[in-house]
Amino acid sequence: MKEIRYLALGDSYTIGESVHQNERWPNQLAELINLSPQFEGSGRGIKVTVIARTGWTTSELWEGIQEANPQGTYDMVSLLIGVNNQYRGYDIHEYREGFRFLLGKAIEYADGNASHVLVLSIPDWGVTPFASGRDREQIAKDIDAFNAVNLEESQNAGVHYVDVTPVSREAVNDPALVAADGLHPSGKMYAEWAKLALPIAMKILE
């Protein structure tokens, strides 16, 4: 049976800063797919390729993609990028241009099939212990503004969209959703993201 190729593009939220590799959300998603009735026992394993690094902005992700030089096409591609543009105070219009470009590339890697691409919203880091002493309300507004951009561009491009921001905000009441570094999501949080992405992934791969 043909191996399923999945390309995950992003930053710390995709590489899984401060968690084990098997706790990253793309890896947890692949595990959920493998265990699903449709795929279990089919012999169709999922190969997850991650191009992501902590701290990457849209432009740095593109540099990383060029360096990694992924070959061939992928059955599914995910994109989650923008928190570092927001954190560094970069212009939101610049983010739109960078995100639109990366989304176009993601579609290319999915053999030009937009319906095989899923975008995740930017989580709200303002609810984490790391944000203590900062203007949490302003961070939330900024994150919402950046997500309005990536949602609009996703809809325009005809790709799938997974909104993980509401569940990310539950970390304010559940410390177990935050990793030991006090900033990044824990494996428990990533499990929630994987569950949210699963129905779309199954639709893509069926």
C-alpha atoms as a PDB file:
ATOM      1  CA  MET A   1       0.000   0.000   0.000  1.00  0.00           C
ATOM      2  CA  LYS A   2       1.141   3.522  -0.757  1.00  0.00           C
ATOM      3  CA  GLU A   3       2.689   5.467   2.114  1.00  0.00           C
ATOM      4  CA  ILE A   4       0.845   8.675   3.031  1.00  0.00           C
ATOM      5  CA  ARG A   5       3.095  11.741   2.907  1.00  0.00           C
ATOM      6  CA  TYR A   6       2.222  14.592   5.278  1.00  0.00           C
ATOM      7  CA  LEU A   7       4.139  17.886   5.327  1.00  0.00           C
ATOM      8  CA  ALA A   8       3.748  20.125   8.406  1.00  0.00           C
ATOM      9  CA  LEU A   9       4.967  23.725   8.033  1.00  0.00           C
ATOM     10  CA  GLY A  10       5.268  26.191  10.900  1.00  0.00           C
ATOM     11  CA  ASP A  11       7.147  27.424  13.948  1.00  0.00           C
ATOM     12  CA  SER A  12       7.459  26.343  17.617  1.00  0.00           C
ATOM     13  CA  TYR A  13       3.810  25.245  17.642  1.00  0.00           C
ATOM     14  CA  THR A  14       4.520  22.682  14.900  1.00  0.00           C
ATOM     15  CA  ILE A  15       8.004  21.546  15.963  1.00  0.00           C
ATOM     16  CA  GLY A  16       6.613  21.145  19.485  1.00  0.00           C
ATOM     17  CA  GLU A  17       8.968  23.240  21.591  1.00  0.00           C
ATOM     18  CA  SER A  18       9.328  21.744  25.106  1.00  0.00           C
ATOM     19  CA  VAL A  19       7.491  18.485  24.333  1.00  0.00           C
ATOM     20  CA  HIS A  20       8.612  15.087  23.049  1.00  0.00           C
ATOM     21  CA  GLN A  21       8.444  14.468  19.296  1.00  0.00           C
ATOM     22  CA  ASN A  22       5.518  12.062  19.650  1.00  0.00           C
ATOM     23  CA  GLU A  23       3.566  14.803  21.485  1.00  0.00           C
ATOM     24  CA  ARG A  24       3.763  17.326  18.632  1.00  0.00           C
ATOM     25  CA  TRP A  25       0.311  17.907  17.196  1.00  0.00           C
ATOM     26  CA  PRO A  26       1.205  16.680  13.663  1.00  0.00           C
ATOM     27  CA  ASN A  27       2.583  13.446  15.135  1.00  0.00           C
ATOM     28  CA  GLN A  28      -0.454  12.992  17.367  1.00  0.00           C
ATOM     29  CA  LEU A  29      -2.686  13.621  14.343  1.00  0.00           C
ATOM     30  CA  ALA A  30      -0.818  10.966  12.354  1.00  0.00           C
ATOM     31  CA  GLU A  31      -1.240   8.522  15.247  1.00  0.00           C
ATOM     32  CA  LEU A  32      -4.997   9.195  15.409  1.00  0.00           C
ATOM     33  CA  ILE A  33      -5.266   8.575  11.656  1.00  0.00           C
ATOM     34  CA  ASN A  34      -3.295   5.332  11.915  1.00  0.00           C
ATOM     35  CA  LEU A  35      -5.619   4.115  14.698  1.00  0.00           C
ATOM     36  CA  SER A  36      -8.825   5.028  12.848  1.00  0.00           C
ATOM     37  CA  PRO A  37     -11.004   2.165  11.527  1.00  0.00           C
ATOM     38  CA  GLN A  38     -10.410   3.334   7.939  1.00  0.00           C
ATOM     39  CA  PHE A  39      -6.620   3.027   8.201  1.00  0.00           C
ATOM     40  CA  GLU A  40      -5.898   0.531  10.988  1.00  0.00           C
ATOM     41  CA  GLY A  41      -4.511  -2.651   9.485  1.00  0.00           C
ATOM     42  CA  SER A  42      -4.368  -1.157   5.979  1.00  0.00           C
ATOM     43  CA  GLY A  43      -0.584  -1.009   6.016  1.00  0.00           C
ATOM     44  CA  ARG A  44      -0.737   2.593   4.891  1.00  0.00           C
ATOM     45  CA  GLY A  45       1.632   4.311   7.293  1.00  0.00           C
ATOM     46  CA  ILE A  46       1.919   8.081   7.491  1.00  0.00           C
ATOM     47  CA  LYS A  47       5.318   9.687   7.028  1.00  0.00           C
ATOM     48  CA  VAL A  48       5.340  13.081   8.777  1.00  0.00           C
ATOM     49  CA  THR A  49       7.847  15.641   7.498  1.00  0.00           C
ATOM     50  CA  VAL A  50       8.142  18.743   9.676  1.00  0.00           C
ATOM     51  CA  ILE A  51       9.698  21.993   8.478  1.00  0.00           C
ATOM     52  CA  ALA A  52       9.422  24.274  11.480  1.00  0.00           C
ATOM     53  CA  ARG A  53      11.575  26.023  14.048  1.00  0.00           C
ATOM     54  CA  THR A  54      10.940  27.973  17.231  1.00  0.00           C
ATOM     55  CA  GLY A  55      10.887  31.715  16.572  1.00  0.00           C
ATOM     56  CA  TRP A  56      10.264  31.552  12.847  1.00  0.00           C
ATOM     57  CA  THR A  57       8.264  34.317  11.158  1.00  0.00           C
ATOM     58  CA  THR A  58       6.646  33.933   7.738  1.00  0.00           C
ATOM     59  CA  SER A  59       9.839  34.992   5.939  1.00  0.00           C
ATOM     60  CA  GLU A  60      12.026  32.717   8.067  1.00  0.00           C
ATOM     61  CA  LEU A  61       9.733  29.770   7.388  1.00  0.00           C
ATOM     62  CA  TRP A  62      10.165  30.345   3.666  1.00  0.00           C
ATOM     63  CA  GLU A  63      13.949  30.417   4.118  1.00  0.00           C
ATOM     64  CA  GLY A  64      13.686  27.144   6.061  1.00  0.00           C
ATOM     65  CA  ILE A  65      11.555  25.548   3.344  1.00  0.00           C
ATOM     66  CA  GLN A  66      14.077  26.521   0.679  1.00  0.00           C
ATOM     67  CA  GLU A  67      16.884  25.058   2.770  1.00  0.00           C
ATOM     68  CA  ALA A  68      14.982  21.810   3.428  1.00  0.00           C
ATOM     69  CA  ASN A  69      13.994  21.632  -0.249  1.00  0.00           C
ATOM     70  CA  PRO A  70      11.089  19.156   0.074  1.00  0.00           C
ATOM     71  CA  GLN A  71      10.821  16.870  -2.948  1.00  0.00           C
ATOM     72  CA  GLY A  72       7.753  15.517  -4.687  1.00  0.00           C
ATOM     73  CA  THR A  73       4.158  16.080  -3.671  1.00  0.00           C
ATOM     74  CA  TYR A  74       2.346  15.403  -0.423  1.00  0.00           C
ATOM     75  CA  ASP A  75      -1.047  13.869   0.342  1.00  0.00           C
ATOM     76  CA  MET A  76      -1.649  16.479   3.056  1.00  0.00           C
ATOM     77  CA  VAL A  77       0.015  19.767   4.035  1.00  0.00           C
ATOM     78  CA  SER A  78      -0.599  21.835   7.165  1.00  0.00           C
ATOM     79  CA  LEU A  79       0.417  25.445   7.815  1.00  0.00           C
ATOM     80  CA  LEU A  80       0.525  27.269  11.152  1.00  0.00           C
ATOM     81  CA  ILE A  81       2.532  30.506  11.126  1.00  0.00           C
ATOM     82  CA  GLY A  82       2.316  34.078  12.371  1.00  0.00           C
ATOM     83  CA  VAL A  83       2.756  34.225  16.128  1.00  0.00           C
ATOM     84  CA  ASN A  84       6.316  35.510  15.814  1.00  0.00           C
ATOM     85  CA  ASN A  85       5.229  38.204  13.347  1.00  0.00           C
ATOM     86  CA  GLN A  86       2.728  39.297  15.996  1.00  0.00           C
ATOM     87  CA  TYR A  87       5.175  38.941  18.910  1.00  0.00           C
ATOM     88  CA  ARG A  88       7.826  41.071  17.185  1.00  0.00           C
ATOM     89  CA  GLY A  89       5.283  43.739  16.329  1.00  0.00           C
ATOM     90  CA  TYR A  90       5.566  43.247  12.569  1.00  0.00           C
ATOM     91  CA  ASP A  91       3.071  44.914  10.262  1.00  0.00           C
ATOM     92  CA  ILE A  92      -0.126  42.910   9.771  1.00  0.00           C
ATOM     93  CA  HIS A  93      -0.237  43.774   6.046  1.00  0.00           C
ATOM     94  CA  GLU A  94       3.269  42.320   5.704  1.00  0.00           C
ATOM     95  CA  TYR A  95       1.956  39.205   7.459  1.00  0.00           C
ATOM     96  CA  ARG A  96      -0.897  38.932   4.969  1.00  0.00           C
ATOM     97  CA  GLU A  97       1.518  39.000   2.029  1.00  0.00           C
ATOM     98  CA  GLY A  98       3.850  36.473   3.637  1.00  0.00           C
ATOM     99  CA  PHE A  99       1.034  34.162   4.681  1.00  0.00           C
ATOM    100  CA  ARG A 100      -0.609  34.282   1.248  1.00  0.00           C
ATOM    101  CA  PHE A 101       2.723  33.380  -0.374  1.00  0.00           C
ATOM    102  CA  LEU A 102       3.316  30.450   2.003  1.00  0.00           C
ATOM    103  CA  LEU A 103      -0.234  29.221   1.513  1.00  0.00           C
ATOM    104  CA  GLY A 104       0.358  29.184  -2.235  1.00  0.00           C
ATOM    105  CA  LYS A 105       3.485  27.104  -1.663  1.00  0.00           C
ATOM    106  CA  ALA A 106       1.597  24.725   0.636  1.00  0.00           C
ATOM    107  CA  ILE A 107      -0.950  24.170  -2.136  1.00  0.00           C
ATOM    108  CA  GLU A 108       1.878  23.527  -4.608  1.00  0.00           C
ATOM    109  CA  TYR A 109       3.321  20.851  -2.295  1.00  0.00           C
ATOM    110  CA  ALA A 110      -0.159  19.268  -2.187  1.00  0.00           C
ATOM    111  CA  ASP A 111       0.064  18.820  -5.977  1.00  0.00           C
ATOM    112  CA  GLY A 112      -1.958  21.995  -6.519  1.00  0.00           C
ATOM    113  CA  ASN A 113      -4.936  20.599  -4.603  1.00  0.00           C
ATOM    114  CA  ALA A 114      -6.137  23.253  -2.114  1.00  0.00           C
ATOM    115  CA  SER A 115      -8.545  20.762  -0.538  1.00  0.00           C
ATOM    116  CA  HIS A 116      -5.529  18.793   0.731  1.00  0.00           C
ATOM    117  CA  VAL A 117      -4.216  21.740   2.758  1.00  0.00           C
ATOM    118  CA  LEU A 118      -5.242  22.677   6.295  1.00  0.00           C
ATOM    119  CA  VAL A 119      -4.382  25.894   8.118  1.00  0.00           C
ATOM    120  CA  LEU A 120      -4.390  26.165  11.907  1.00  0.00           C
ATOM    121  CA  SER A 121      -5.178  29.445  13.640  1.00  0.00           C
ATOM    122  CA  ILE A 122      -2.556  31.084  15.869  1.00  0.00           C
ATOM    123  CA  PRO A 123      -3.030  30.157  19.549  1.00  0.00           C
ATOM    124  CA  ASP A 124      -3.189  32.868  22.206  1.00  0.00           C
ATOM    125  CA  TRP A 125       0.073  32.907  24.165  1.00  0.00           C
ATOM    126  CA  GLY A 126      -1.299  35.784  26.250  1.00  0.00           C
ATOM    127  CA  VAL A 127      -2.985  33.329  28.638  1.00  0.00           C
ATOM    128  CA  THR A 128       0.313  31.622  29.559  1.00  0.00           C
ATOM    129  CA  PRO A 129       2.485  32.319  32.631  1.00  0.00           C
ATOM    130  CA  PHE A 130       5.110  33.747  30.218  1.00  0.00           C
ATOM    131  CA  ALA A 131       2.754  36.662  29.497  1.00  0.00           C
ATOM    132  CA  SER A 132       2.504  37.646  33.159  1.00  0.00           C
ATOM    133  CA  GLY A 133       2.860  41.414  33.515  1.00  0.00           C
ATOM    134  CA  ARG A 134       2.050  42.023  29.845  1.00  0.00           C
ATOM    135  CA  ASP A 135      -1.154  43.431  28.379  1.00  0.00           C
ATOM    136  CA  ARG A 136      -3.018  40.156  27.911  1.00  0.00           C
ATOM    137  CA  GLU A 137      -6.089  41.878  26.481  1.00  0.00           C
ATOM    138  CA  GLN A 138      -4.002  43.566  23.779  1.00  0.00           C
ATOM    139  CA  ILE A 139      -2.244  40.292  22.953  1.00  0.00           C
ATOM    140  CA  ALA A 140      -5.656  38.641  22.493  1.00  0.00           C
ATOM    141  CA  LYS A 141      -6.786  41.468  20.197  1.00  0.00           C
ATOM    142  CA  ASP A 142      -3.596  41.194  18.148  1.00  0.00           C
ATOM    143  CA  ILE A 143      -3.911  37.418  17.834  1.00  0.00           C
ATOM    144  CA  ASP A 144      -7.546  37.791  16.748  1.00  0.00           C
ATOM    145  CA  ALA A 145      -6.520  40.367  14.113  1.00  0.00           C
ATOM    146  CA  PHE A 146      -3.796  38.098  12.712  1.00  0.00           C
ATOM    147  CA  ASN A 147      -6.205  35.165  12.691  1.00  0.00           C
ATOM    148  CA  ALA A 148      -8.790  37.229  10.817  1.00  0.00           C
ATOM    149  CA  VAL A 149      -6.134  37.641   8.117  1.00  0.00           C
ATOM    150  CA  ASN A 150      -5.148  33.968   7.876  1.00  0.00           C
ATOM    151  CA  LEU A 151      -8.824  32.903   7.940  1.00  0.00           C
ATOM    152  CA  GLU A 152      -9.705  35.262   5.081  1.00  0.00           C
ATOM    153  CA  GLU A 153      -6.719  34.133   3.013  1.00  0.00           C
ATOM    154  CA  SER A 154      -7.554  30.483   3.724  1.00  0.00           C
ATOM    155  CA  GLN A 155     -11.143  30.962   2.608  1.00  0.00           C
ATOM    156  CA  ASN A 156     -10.003  32.789  -0.535  1.00  0.00           C
ATOM    157  CA  ALA A 157      -7.618  29.944  -1.371  1.00  0.00           C
ATOM    158  CA  GLY A 158     -10.197  27.208  -0.701  1.00  0.00           C
ATOM    159  CA  VAL A 159      -8.181  25.366   1.965  1.00  0.00           C
ATOM    160  CA  HIS A 160      -9.438  23.855   5.228  1.00  0.00           C
ATOM    161  CA  TYR A 161      -9.194  25.882   8.453  1.00  0.00           C
ATOM    162  CA  VAL A 162      -8.917  24.596  12.016  1.00  0.00           C
ATOM    163  CA  ASP A 163      -9.553  27.145  14.776  1.00  0.00           C
ATOM    164  CA  VAL A 164      -7.429  26.114  17.768  1.00  0.00           C
ATOM    165  CA  THR A 165      -7.461  29.562  19.403  1.00  0.00           C
ATOM    166  CA  PRO A 166     -10.495  28.975  21.679  1.00  0.00           C
ATOM    167  CA  VAL A 167      -9.004  25.767  23.121  1.00  0.00           C
ATOM    168  CA  SER A 168      -5.638  27.513  23.545  1.00  0.00           C
ATOM    169  CA  ARG A 169      -7.365  30.062  25.782  1.00  0.00           C
ATOM    170  CA  GLU A 170      -8.544  27.303  28.110  1.00  0.00           C
ATOM    171  CA  ALA A 171      -4.956  27.230  29.427  1.00  0.00           C
ATOM    172  CA  VAL A 172      -5.870  30.170  31.655  1.00  0.00           C
ATOM    173  CA  ASN A 173      -7.870  27.698  33.798  1.00  0.00           C
ATOM    174  CA  ASP A 174      -5.872  24.520  33.159  1.00  0.00           C
ATOM    175  CA  PRO A 175      -2.100  24.735  33.764  1.00  0.00           C
ATOM    176  CA  ALA A 176      -1.703  21.206  32.355  1.00  0.00           C
ATOM    177  CA  LEU A 177      -2.311  22.654  28.879  1.00  0.00           C
ATOM    178  CA  VAL A 178       0.981  24.581  29.089  1.00  0.00           C
ATOM    179  CA  ALA A 179       4.433  22.996  28.761  1.00  0.00           C
ATOM    180  CA  ALA A 180       7.067  23.218  31.491  1.00  0.00           C
ATOM    181  CA  ASP A 181       8.576  26.342  29.892  1.00  0.00           C
ATOM    182  CA  GLY A 182       5.447  28.335  30.805  1.00  0.00           C
ATOM    183  CA  LEU A 183       4.838  29.458  27.228  1.00  0.00           C
ATOM    184  CA  HIS A 184       4.327  26.652  24.741  1.00  0.00           C
ATOM    185  CA  PRO A 185       1.476  24.136  24.606  1.00  0.00           C
ATOM    186  CA  SER A 186       1.821  20.814  26.391  1.00  0.00           C
ATOM    187  CA  GLY A 187       1.239  17.420  24.822  1.00  0.00           C
ATOM    188  CA  LYS A 188      -2.245  17.540  26.348  1.00  0.00           C
ATOM    189  CA  MET A 189      -3.004  20.774  24.461  1.00  0.00           C
ATOM    190  CA  TYR A 190      -1.595  19.390  21.224  1.00  0.00           C
ATOM    191  CA  ALA A 191      -3.833  16.338  21.644  1.00  0.00           C
ATOM    192  CA  GLU A 192      -6.833  18.694  21.561  1.00  0.00           C
ATOM    193  CA  TRP A 193      -5.548  20.314  18.359  1.00  0.00           C
ATOM    194  CA  ALA A 194      -5.050  16.905  16.761  1.00  0.00           C
ATOM    195  CA  LYS A 195      -8.633  15.952  17.643  1.00  0.00           C
ATOM    196  CA  LEU A 196      -9.912  19.160  16.047  1.00  0.00           C
ATOM    197  CA  ALA A 197      -7.893  18.515  12.875  1.00  0.00           C
ATOM    198  CA  LEU A 198      -8.752  14.797  12.638  1.00  0.00           C
ATOM    199  CA  PRO A 199     -12.158  15.008  10.831  1.00  0.00           C
ATOM    200  CA  ILE A 200     -10.624  17.255   8.154  1.00  0.00           C
ATOM    201  CA  ALA A 201      -7.549  15.044   7.799  1.00  0.00           C
ATOM    202  CA  MET A 202      -9.750  11.969   7.390  1.00  0.00           C
ATOM    203  CA  LYS A 203     -11.738  13.742   4.693  1.00  0.00           C
ATOM    204  CA  ILE A 204      -8.514  14.692   2.908  1.00  0.00           C
ATOM    205  CA  LEU A 205      -7.080  11.164   3.021  1.00  0.00           C
ATOM    206  CA  GLU A 206     -10.153   8.989   2.445  1.00  0.00           C
END
